């Protein structure tokens, strides 16, 4: 099964030796997105609400680069540096999905790149 690199200018460029996403058969595995502005590569200003909105915009942008939509996401993992922010993140995150929402895990981590408060990675299914 050939693999294909996924890249979109609507999401921040990779800041290390990894791809935005990799298509393997009918599945597309996306690297985690932190709240970077795709135009500047800088962390967005504001708190966890602004960061979550930017991450969700980056998710949509990366999906578009693969010709996919939010409806095709089957699994996400949310990384938070402060689990006490979960309720605010969950409210914003929930506005971006139609039912059925993807399966999900949420974990607290000690730190994220560039001082971000949130990172989301996801898997999408491109088959029928």
N, C-alpha and C. Protein backbone atom coordinates (compact mmCIF):
# COMPACT_ATOMS: atom_id res chain seq x y z
N UNK A 1 0.86 -1.18 0.00
CA UNK A 1 0.00 0.00 0.00
C UNK A 1 0.90 1.24 0.00
N UNK A 2 0.78 2.08 -1.03
CA UNK A 2 1.58 3.32 -1.05
C UNK A 2 1.07 4.32 -0.02
N UNK A 3 1.99 5.13 0.48
CA UNK A 3 1.58 6.20 1.37
C UNK A 3 1.79 7.53 0.66
N UNK A 4 1.01 8.51 1.06
CA UNK A 4 1.03 9.83 0.42
C UNK A 4 1.14 10.90 1.49
N UNK A 5 2.05 11.83 1.27
CA UNK A 5 2.20 12.97 2.18
C UNK A 5 1.07 13.97 1.94
N UNK A 6 0.50 14.47 3.04
CA UNK A 6 -0.55 15.49 2.97
C UNK A 6 0.04 16.81 3.45
N UNK A 7 -0.22 17.87 2.68
CA UNK A 7 0.29 19.18 3.05
C UNK A 7 -0.72 20.24 2.61
N UNK A 8 -0.94 21.23 3.46
CA UNK A 8 -1.88 22.30 3.16
C UNK A 8 -1.32 23.62 3.67
N UNK A 9 -1.48 24.66 2.87
CA UNK A 9 -1.08 26.00 3.32
C UNK A 9 -2.13 26.60 4.26
N UNK A 10 -3.28 25.93 4.40
CA UNK A 10 -4.34 26.41 5.30
C UNK A 10 -4.10 25.97 6.74
N UNK A 11 -3.02 25.23 6.96
CA UNK A 11 -2.59 24.83 8.30
C UNK A 11 -1.11 25.18 8.42
N UNK A 12 -0.62 25.37 9.64
CA UNK A 12 0.79 25.72 9.81
C UNK A 12 1.72 24.65 9.23
N UNK A 13 2.81 25.10 8.66
CA UNK A 13 3.82 24.17 8.15
C UNK A 13 4.43 23.40 9.33
N UNK A 14 4.90 22.21 9.05
CA UNK A 14 5.56 21.41 10.08
C UNK A 14 6.76 22.18 10.64
N UNK A 15 6.94 22.10 11.96
CA UNK A 15 8.07 22.79 12.60
C UNK A 15 9.16 21.79 13.00
N UNK A 16 9.17 20.67 12.33
CA UNK A 16 10.16 19.62 12.60
C UNK A 16 10.13 18.59 11.50
N UNK A 17 10.82 17.48 11.70
CA UNK A 17 10.90 16.44 10.67
C UNK A 17 9.68 15.52 10.69
N UNK A 18 8.54 16.06 10.29
CA UNK A 18 7.31 15.28 10.21
C UNK A 18 6.42 15.88 9.13
N UNK A 19 5.39 15.16 8.75
CA UNK A 19 4.42 15.62 7.76
C UNK A 19 3.16 16.10 8.46
N UNK A 20 2.43 17.01 7.83
CA UNK A 20 1.13 17.41 8.38
C UNK A 20 0.21 16.20 8.47
N UNK A 21 0.30 15.35 7.47
CA UNK A 21 -0.51 14.15 7.46
C UNK A 21 0.05 13.12 6.51
N UNK A 22 -0.38 11.88 6.71
CA UNK A 22 0.02 10.78 5.84
C UNK A 22 -1.22 9.96 5.51
N UNK A 23 -1.48 9.78 4.21
CA UNK A 23 -2.57 8.92 3.77
C UNK A 23 -2.00 7.51 3.60
N UNK A 24 -2.65 6.57 4.25
CA UNK A 24 -2.29 5.15 4.14
C UNK A 24 -3.57 4.39 3.85
N UNK A 25 -3.78 4.04 2.60
CA UNK A 25 -5.04 3.42 2.22
C UNK A 25 -6.17 4.42 2.38
N UNK A 26 -7.25 3.99 3.05
CA UNK A 26 -8.40 4.86 3.25
C UNK A 26 -8.30 5.73 4.50
N UNK A 27 -7.21 5.59 5.24
CA UNK A 27 -7.04 6.37 6.47
C UNK A 27 -6.01 7.46 6.27
N UNK A 28 -6.25 8.61 6.90
CA UNK A 28 -5.28 9.70 6.91
C UNK A 28 -4.97 10.02 8.37
N UNK A 29 -3.69 9.93 8.71
CA UNK A 29 -3.20 10.17 10.05
C UNK A 29 -2.58 11.56 10.08
N UNK A 30 -3.12 12.44 10.92
CA UNK A 30 -2.65 13.82 10.97
C UNK A 30 -1.80 14.05 12.21
N UNK A 31 -0.71 14.78 12.02
CA UNK A 31 0.12 15.20 13.14
C UNK A 31 -0.64 16.21 13.99
N UNK A 32 -0.25 16.33 15.23
CA UNK A 32 -0.91 17.28 16.12
C UNK A 32 -0.76 18.71 15.64
N UNK A 33 -1.81 19.48 15.83
CA UNK A 33 -1.80 20.90 15.53
C UNK A 33 -1.85 21.68 16.83
N UNK A 34 -0.95 22.64 16.94
CA UNK A 34 -0.99 23.59 18.05
C UNK A 34 -1.53 24.91 17.49
N UNK A 35 -1.85 25.89 18.33
CA UNK A 35 -2.50 27.10 17.86
C UNK A 35 -1.57 28.11 17.18
N UNK A 36 -0.98 27.67 16.09
CA UNK A 36 -0.14 28.58 15.30
C UNK A 36 -0.96 29.19 14.18
N UNK A 37 -0.74 30.45 13.92
CA UNK A 37 -1.34 31.12 12.78
C UNK A 37 -0.61 30.63 11.53
N UNK A 38 -1.32 30.03 10.55
CA UNK A 38 -0.64 29.51 9.36
C UNK A 38 0.13 30.57 8.59
N UNK A 39 -0.32 31.82 8.63
CA UNK A 39 0.33 32.89 7.87
C UNK A 39 1.66 33.31 8.49
N UNK A 40 1.73 33.29 9.82
CA UNK A 40 2.93 33.81 10.49
C UNK A 40 3.78 32.73 11.15
N UNK A 41 3.17 31.59 11.43
CA UNK A 41 3.88 30.54 12.15
C UNK A 41 4.03 30.82 13.63
N UNK A 42 3.34 31.86 14.11
CA UNK A 42 3.42 32.26 15.52
C UNK A 42 2.20 31.80 16.29
N UNK A 43 2.39 31.58 17.59
CA UNK A 43 1.30 31.23 18.48
C UNK A 43 0.30 32.38 18.51
N UNK A 44 -1.00 32.07 18.42
CA UNK A 44 -2.01 33.13 18.46
C UNK A 44 -2.06 33.76 19.85
N UNK A 45 -2.43 35.01 19.89
CA UNK A 45 -2.57 35.72 21.16
C UNK A 45 -3.84 35.27 21.85
N UNK A 46 -3.85 35.37 23.16
CA UNK A 46 -5.05 35.08 23.92
C UNK A 46 -4.90 33.83 24.76
N UNK A 47 -6.00 33.44 25.36
CA UNK A 47 -6.02 32.30 26.27
C UNK A 47 -6.44 31.02 25.58
N UNK A 48 -6.92 30.07 26.38
CA UNK A 48 -7.25 28.75 25.87
C UNK A 48 -8.39 28.79 24.86
N UNK A 49 -9.32 29.74 24.98
CA UNK A 49 -10.41 29.83 24.02
C UNK A 49 -9.89 30.18 22.63
N UNK A 50 -9.06 31.20 22.56
CA UNK A 50 -8.49 31.60 21.26
C UNK A 50 -7.60 30.50 20.69
N UNK A 51 -6.84 29.86 21.57
CA UNK A 51 -5.97 28.78 21.12
C UNK A 51 -6.79 27.60 20.57
N UNK A 52 -7.87 27.27 21.25
CA UNK A 52 -8.70 26.15 20.79
C UNK A 52 -9.34 26.47 19.45
N UNK A 53 -9.85 27.68 19.29
CA UNK A 53 -10.44 28.07 18.00
C UNK A 53 -9.41 27.98 16.88
N UNK A 54 -8.17 28.42 17.14
CA UNK A 54 -7.14 28.36 16.11
C UNK A 54 -6.79 26.91 15.76
N UNK A 55 -6.69 26.07 16.78
CA UNK A 55 -6.39 24.66 16.51
C UNK A 55 -7.49 24.05 15.65
N UNK A 56 -8.75 24.34 15.97
CA UNK A 56 -9.85 23.78 15.18
C UNK A 56 -9.81 24.30 13.74
N UNK A 57 -9.43 25.56 13.55
CA UNK A 57 -9.27 26.10 12.19
C UNK A 57 -8.13 25.37 11.47
N UNK A 58 -7.05 25.08 12.20
CA UNK A 58 -5.93 24.36 11.61
C UNK A 58 -6.32 22.94 11.24
N UNK A 59 -7.14 22.30 12.07
CA UNK A 59 -7.64 20.96 11.76
C UNK A 59 -8.40 21.00 10.44
N UNK A 60 -9.31 21.95 10.31
CA UNK A 60 -10.09 22.07 9.08
C UNK A 60 -9.20 22.35 7.87
N UNK A 61 -8.18 23.20 8.06
CA UNK A 61 -7.27 23.51 6.97
C UNK A 61 -6.46 22.31 6.52
N UNK A 62 -5.97 21.54 7.47
CA UNK A 62 -5.19 20.34 7.13
C UNK A 62 -6.09 19.31 6.44
N UNK A 63 -7.31 19.16 6.94
CA UNK A 63 -8.26 18.24 6.29
C UNK A 63 -8.51 18.65 4.85
N UNK A 64 -8.69 19.95 4.61
CA UNK A 64 -8.93 20.44 3.26
C UNK A 64 -7.77 20.07 2.33
N UNK A 65 -6.56 20.10 2.86
CA UNK A 65 -5.39 19.72 2.07
C UNK A 65 -5.41 18.28 1.63
N UNK A 66 -6.18 17.47 2.33
CA UNK A 66 -6.33 16.05 1.97
C UNK A 66 -7.65 15.80 1.24
N UNK A 67 -8.41 16.88 0.96
CA UNK A 67 -9.70 16.72 0.31
C UNK A 67 -10.75 16.12 1.23
N UNK A 68 -10.61 16.36 2.53
CA UNK A 68 -11.50 15.78 3.53
C UNK A 68 -12.23 16.88 4.30
N UNK A 69 -13.24 16.47 5.06
CA UNK A 69 -14.00 17.38 5.91
C UNK A 69 -14.02 16.85 7.34
N UNK A 70 -14.56 17.65 8.23
CA UNK A 70 -14.68 17.25 9.63
C UNK A 70 -15.54 15.99 9.78
N UNK A 71 -16.48 15.78 8.88
CA UNK A 71 -17.36 14.60 8.96
C UNK A 71 -16.59 13.30 8.78
N UNK A 72 -15.39 13.36 8.25
CA UNK A 72 -14.62 12.14 8.01
C UNK A 72 -13.61 11.84 9.13
N UNK A 73 -13.58 12.68 10.15
CA UNK A 73 -12.68 12.44 11.28
C UNK A 73 -13.30 11.36 12.17
N UNK A 74 -12.49 10.33 12.47
CA UNK A 74 -13.01 9.21 13.27
C UNK A 74 -12.43 9.16 14.68
N UNK A 75 -11.30 9.84 14.92
CA UNK A 75 -10.64 9.77 16.23
C UNK A 75 -9.81 11.01 16.43
N UNK A 76 -9.86 11.58 17.64
CA UNK A 76 -9.00 12.70 18.00
C UNK A 76 -8.34 12.42 19.35
N UNK A 77 -7.24 13.09 19.57
CA UNK A 77 -6.61 13.12 20.88
C UNK A 77 -6.31 14.59 21.18
N UNK A 78 -6.79 15.05 22.34
CA UNK A 78 -6.53 16.42 22.78
C UNK A 78 -5.50 16.37 23.89
N UNK A 79 -4.47 17.19 23.74
CA UNK A 79 -3.44 17.33 24.77
C UNK A 79 -3.60 18.72 25.38
N UNK A 80 -3.73 18.79 26.69
CA UNK A 80 -3.86 20.07 27.40
C UNK A 80 -2.74 20.19 28.42
N UNK A 81 -2.21 21.40 28.58
CA UNK A 81 -1.23 21.61 29.64
C UNK A 81 -1.91 21.87 30.97
N UNK A 82 -3.22 22.15 30.95
CA UNK A 82 -3.97 22.36 32.19
C UNK A 82 -5.33 21.71 32.05
N UNK A 83 -5.52 20.56 32.66
CA UNK A 83 -6.78 19.82 32.54
C UNK A 83 -7.95 20.60 33.13
N UNK A 84 -7.68 21.58 33.97
CA UNK A 84 -8.75 22.42 34.50
C UNK A 84 -9.39 23.28 33.40
N UNK A 85 -8.77 23.37 32.24
CA UNK A 85 -9.32 24.11 31.10
C UNK A 85 -10.24 23.23 30.26
N UNK A 86 -10.41 21.97 30.66
CA UNK A 86 -11.16 20.99 29.87
C UNK A 86 -12.56 21.47 29.51
N UNK A 87 -13.31 22.00 30.44
CA UNK A 87 -14.70 22.41 30.17
C UNK A 87 -14.76 23.47 29.08
N UNK A 88 -13.88 24.46 29.14
CA UNK A 88 -13.88 25.51 28.10
C UNK A 88 -13.47 24.95 26.75
N UNK A 89 -12.45 24.10 26.75
CA UNK A 89 -12.01 23.48 25.49
C UNK A 89 -13.12 22.60 24.93
N UNK A 90 -13.75 21.81 25.77
CA UNK A 90 -14.79 20.89 25.35
C UNK A 90 -15.96 21.63 24.71
N UNK A 91 -16.34 22.78 25.25
CA UNK A 91 -17.44 23.56 24.71
C UNK A 91 -17.11 24.05 23.30
N UNK A 92 -15.92 24.59 23.11
CA UNK A 92 -15.50 25.09 21.80
C UNK A 92 -15.34 23.93 20.82
N UNK A 93 -14.66 22.89 21.24
CA UNK A 93 -14.44 21.70 20.42
C UNK A 93 -15.78 21.14 19.95
N UNK A 94 -16.74 21.04 20.85
CA UNK A 94 -18.04 20.46 20.52
C UNK A 94 -18.82 21.21 19.46
N UNK A 95 -18.60 22.51 19.34
CA UNK A 95 -19.30 23.31 18.32
C UNK A 95 -18.85 22.99 16.90
N UNK A 96 -17.72 22.32 16.77
CA UNK A 96 -17.16 22.07 15.45
C UNK A 96 -17.53 20.71 14.85
N UNK A 97 -18.30 19.91 15.56
CA UNK A 97 -18.62 18.55 15.09
C UNK A 97 -20.11 18.37 14.94
N UNK A 98 -20.49 17.61 13.93
CA UNK A 98 -21.85 17.11 13.78
C UNK A 98 -21.85 15.70 14.34
N UNK A 99 -23.02 15.20 14.69
CA UNK A 99 -23.14 13.82 15.16
C UNK A 99 -23.00 12.86 13.98
N UNK A 100 -22.34 11.78 14.13
CA UNK A 100 -21.67 11.36 15.36
C UNK A 100 -20.30 12.04 15.47
N UNK A 101 -20.02 12.57 16.64
CA UNK A 101 -18.70 13.16 16.89
C UNK A 101 -17.67 12.03 16.89
N UNK A 102 -16.41 12.34 16.57
CA UNK A 102 -15.39 11.28 16.56
C UNK A 102 -15.09 10.75 17.96
N UNK A 103 -14.54 9.54 18.01
CA UNK A 103 -14.02 9.03 19.27
C UNK A 103 -12.91 9.98 19.72
N UNK A 104 -12.65 10.04 21.05
CA UNK A 104 -11.69 11.02 21.53
C UNK A 104 -11.07 10.59 22.84
N UNK A 105 -9.84 11.02 23.03
CA UNK A 105 -9.16 10.94 24.32
C UNK A 105 -8.66 12.35 24.63
N UNK A 106 -8.61 12.68 25.92
CA UNK A 106 -8.06 13.97 26.36
C UNK A 106 -7.11 13.69 27.51
N UNK A 107 -5.90 14.23 27.41
CA UNK A 107 -4.90 14.01 28.44
C UNK A 107 -4.20 15.31 28.79
N UNK A 108 -3.72 15.38 30.02
CA UNK A 108 -2.89 16.51 30.43
C UNK A 108 -1.44 16.14 30.21
N UNK A 109 -0.68 17.12 29.71
CA UNK A 109 0.75 16.94 29.47
C UNK A 109 1.52 18.04 30.19
N UNK A 110 2.79 17.82 30.41
CA UNK A 110 3.61 18.80 31.13
C UNK A 110 3.85 20.07 30.32
N UNK A 111 4.04 19.93 29.01
CA UNK A 111 4.32 21.08 28.16
C UNK A 111 4.06 20.71 26.71
N UNK A 112 3.84 21.75 25.89
CA UNK A 112 3.66 21.58 24.45
C UNK A 112 4.60 22.54 23.72
N UNK A 113 4.89 22.28 22.44
CA UNK A 113 5.78 23.16 21.69
C UNK A 113 5.32 24.61 21.71
N UNK A 114 6.30 25.50 21.75
CA UNK A 114 6.08 26.95 21.68
C UNK A 114 5.22 27.50 22.81
N UNK A 115 5.05 26.73 23.88
CA UNK A 115 4.27 27.20 25.02
C UNK A 115 2.77 27.12 24.81
N UNK A 116 2.32 26.34 23.83
CA UNK A 116 0.89 26.20 23.57
C UNK A 116 0.19 25.54 24.75
N UNK A 117 -1.10 25.84 24.90
CA UNK A 117 -1.90 25.23 25.95
C UNK A 117 -2.68 24.02 25.47
N UNK A 118 -2.75 23.82 24.14
CA UNK A 118 -3.53 22.74 23.55
C UNK A 118 -2.88 22.25 22.27
N UNK A 119 -3.04 20.96 22.02
CA UNK A 119 -2.66 20.34 20.76
C UNK A 119 -3.70 19.27 20.47
N UNK A 120 -4.08 19.14 19.20
CA UNK A 120 -5.01 18.10 18.80
C UNK A 120 -4.42 17.34 17.62
N UNK A 121 -4.45 16.00 17.73
CA UNK A 121 -4.11 15.14 16.60
C UNK A 121 -5.36 14.35 16.24
N UNK A 122 -5.43 13.83 15.01
CA UNK A 122 -6.64 13.14 14.58
C UNK A 122 -6.37 12.18 13.43
N UNK A 123 -7.35 11.30 13.26
CA UNK A 123 -7.35 10.31 12.18
C UNK A 123 -8.65 10.48 11.42
N UNK A 124 -8.56 10.48 10.09
CA UNK A 124 -9.75 10.58 9.24
C UNK A 124 -9.83 9.36 8.34
N UNK A 125 -11.03 9.07 7.92
CA UNK A 125 -11.30 7.94 7.03
C UNK A 125 -11.82 8.48 5.71
N UNK A 126 -11.15 8.16 4.62
CA UNK A 126 -11.53 8.72 3.32
C UNK A 126 -12.32 7.75 2.46
N UNK A 127 -12.57 6.53 2.95
CA UNK A 127 -13.33 5.53 2.18
C UNK A 127 -14.82 5.77 2.30
N UNK A 128 -15.56 4.87 1.73
CA UNK A 128 -17.03 4.97 1.77
C UNK A 128 -17.61 4.33 2.99
